């Protein structure tokens, strides 16, 4: 039996040139444990990426995605990431973090640095490499560097 890559749908959520990211739980066995990453998750059987991203964002932070746009697909040997983007139209304090260790806004400078402080972790944590690349690509495409 061959190991099929996992399909995930993730969202670049932005507000005033800042990006919302999630500090993933520090659990061995998950991808990027204790790293900053984009919100999103696995596709359920038979689910399309656009349906999955809406479900995951609602589950993880209680946010109903406004109309969103597909940004691209980032495959590697383990994961195929379907990436979407949408504006975040509410204040951070209106979101409820239901999954993960922390969440916060990142400036383009934070993204370029590849690390950011987490209040909940009490320390600077790195960005997941692929997630950093995706946002850097997005900033280039949208001239938000």
Protein backbone atom coordinates (compact mmCIF):
# COMPACT_ATOMS: atom_id res chain seq x y z
CA UNK A 1 0.00 0.00 0.00
CA UNK A 2 1.43 3.38 -0.97
CA UNK A 3 1.26 6.32 1.35
CA UNK A 4 -0.99 8.86 -0.31
CA UNK A 5 -0.21 12.48 0.49
CA UNK A 6 -2.62 14.17 2.85
CA UNK A 7 -4.87 16.88 1.40
CA UNK A 8 -5.34 19.97 3.55
CA UNK A 9 -7.08 23.29 2.97
CA UNK A 10 -5.58 26.37 4.61
CA UNK A 11 -6.42 30.06 4.58
CA UNK A 12 -4.33 33.20 4.44
CA UNK A 13 -6.41 35.58 6.58
CA UNK A 14 -5.31 39.21 6.45
CA UNK A 15 -6.27 42.54 7.96
CA UNK A 16 -4.52 45.88 7.31
CA UNK A 17 -1.36 44.28 5.90
CA UNK A 18 -1.09 41.79 8.79
CA UNK A 19 -1.63 38.04 8.65
CA UNK A 20 -3.42 35.88 11.19
CA UNK A 21 -1.48 32.79 12.22
CA UNK A 22 -1.96 29.93 14.65
CA UNK A 23 0.70 28.56 16.98
CA UNK A 24 0.23 24.84 16.57
CA UNK A 25 -0.01 22.62 19.63
CA UNK A 26 3.34 21.31 20.80
CA UNK A 27 2.34 17.67 20.26
CA UNK A 28 4.81 15.16 18.81
CA UNK A 29 3.44 13.46 15.70
CA UNK A 30 1.64 16.46 14.17
CA UNK A 31 3.18 18.49 11.36
CA UNK A 32 5.03 21.55 12.61
CA UNK A 33 4.44 21.02 16.39
CA UNK A 34 4.93 24.30 18.26
CA UNK A 35 5.36 26.27 15.02
CA UNK A 36 3.34 29.20 13.72
CA UNK A 37 1.17 28.16 10.78
CA UNK A 38 -1.86 29.13 8.76
CA UNK A 39 -5.30 28.05 9.93
CA UNK A 40 -6.91 25.09 8.20
CA UNK A 41 -6.84 21.32 8.20
CA UNK A 42 -7.52 17.98 6.58
CA UNK A 43 -10.15 17.36 3.97
CA UNK A 44 -12.82 14.91 5.10
CA UNK A 45 -13.58 12.01 2.73
CA UNK A 46 -15.45 13.36 -0.30
CA UNK A 47 -14.98 16.98 0.78
CA UNK A 48 -13.70 19.60 -1.68
CA UNK A 49 -10.95 22.02 -0.58
CA UNK A 50 -13.26 25.05 -0.67
CA UNK A 51 -15.80 23.34 1.60
CA UNK A 52 -13.03 22.08 3.89
CA UNK A 53 -11.43 25.50 4.37
CA UNK A 54 -14.78 27.04 5.41
CA UNK A 55 -15.42 24.19 7.89
CA UNK A 56 -11.90 24.26 9.34
CA UNK A 57 -11.82 28.04 9.88
CA UNK A 58 -15.22 27.90 11.57
CA UNK A 59 -14.08 24.99 13.80
CA UNK A 60 -10.70 26.50 14.69
CA UNK A 61 -11.55 30.17 15.36
CA UNK A 62 -15.35 30.50 15.01
CA UNK A 63 -15.02 32.69 11.91
CA UNK A 64 -17.43 32.43 9.00
CA UNK A 65 -15.27 33.04 5.94
CA UNK A 66 -16.44 35.89 3.71
CA UNK A 67 -16.12 35.29 -0.05
CA UNK A 68 -12.61 33.87 -0.52
CA UNK A 69 -10.27 33.20 -3.42
CA UNK A 70 -8.08 30.23 -4.25
CA UNK A 71 -4.41 31.22 -4.09
CA UNK A 72 -2.64 28.06 -5.16
CA UNK A 73 -1.62 24.51 -4.42
CA UNK A 74 1.59 23.57 -2.60
CA UNK A 75 2.30 19.84 -2.88
CA UNK A 76 5.18 17.98 -1.27
CA UNK A 77 5.74 14.28 -0.58
CA UNK A 78 3.56 14.26 2.55
CA UNK A 79 0.96 17.00 2.14
CA UNK A 80 -0.92 18.70 -0.67
CA UNK A 81 -1.88 22.16 0.61
CA UNK A 82 -4.83 23.87 -1.06
CA UNK A 83 -4.42 27.55 -0.18
CA UNK A 84 -7.15 30.19 -0.13
CA UNK A 85 -7.17 33.79 1.01
CA UNK A 86 -9.79 36.09 2.51
CA UNK A 87 -9.94 39.27 4.55
CA UNK A 88 -10.46 39.01 8.29
CA UNK A 89 -13.42 41.32 8.87
CA UNK A 90 -13.65 41.07 12.67
CA UNK A 91 -11.39 42.09 15.54
CA UNK A 92 -9.00 39.51 16.97
CA UNK A 93 -10.91 39.50 20.27
CA UNK A 94 -14.06 38.36 18.42
CA UNK A 95 -12.36 35.11 17.42
CA UNK A 96 -12.31 32.05 19.66
CA UNK A 97 -9.20 29.86 19.48
CA UNK A 98 -10.61 26.32 19.59
CA UNK A 99 -7.51 24.59 18.25
CA UNK A 100 -3.86 25.40 18.76
CA UNK A 101 -1.71 27.04 21.41
CA UNK A 102 -1.99 30.70 20.43
CA UNK A 103 -2.92 33.01 17.56
CA UNK A 104 -1.77 36.41 16.50
CA UNK A 105 -1.21 38.94 13.74
CA UNK A 106 2.07 38.93 11.85
CA UNK A 107 3.51 41.87 9.96
CA UNK A 108 5.41 41.38 6.70
CA UNK A 109 8.60 41.92 8.76
CA UNK A 110 7.64 39.05 11.09
CA UNK A 111 7.02 36.82 8.09
CA UNK A 112 10.42 37.67 6.58
CA UNK A 113 12.13 37.03 9.95
CA UNK A 114 10.47 33.61 10.20
CA UNK A 115 9.73 33.80 13.91
CA UNK A 116 7.47 35.62 16.34
CA UNK A 117 6.82 35.88 20.06
CA UNK A 118 3.89 33.98 21.55
CA UNK A 119 2.26 35.33 24.71
CA UNK A 120 0.86 31.88 25.55
CA UNK A 121 4.14 30.02 24.98
CA UNK A 122 6.12 32.82 26.64
CA UNK A 123 8.81 32.61 23.98
CA UNK A 124 9.67 33.27 20.36
CA UNK A 125 8.51 30.41 18.13
CA UNK A 126 9.45 29.71 14.49
CA UNK A 127 7.13 29.84 11.49
CA UNK A 128 6.52 26.58 9.67
CA UNK A 129 8.72 26.69 6.57
CA UNK A 130 5.96 26.01 4.03
CA UNK A 131 3.59 28.45 5.71
CA UNK A 132 6.26 31.17 5.63
CA UNK A 133 6.88 30.45 1.92
CA UNK A 134 3.17 30.61 1.11
CA UNK A 135 2.75 34.03 2.77
CA UNK A 136 5.95 35.36 1.16
CA UNK A 137 4.58 34.25 -2.23
CA UNK A 138 1.24 35.87 -1.41
CA UNK A 139 2.94 39.15 -0.42
CA UNK A 140 4.93 39.15 -3.68
CA UNK A 141 1.80 38.49 -5.72
CA UNK A 142 -0.12 41.23 -3.92
CA UNK A 143 2.76 43.72 -3.62
CA UNK A 144 2.38 43.74 0.17
CA UNK A 145 6.09 43.41 0.96
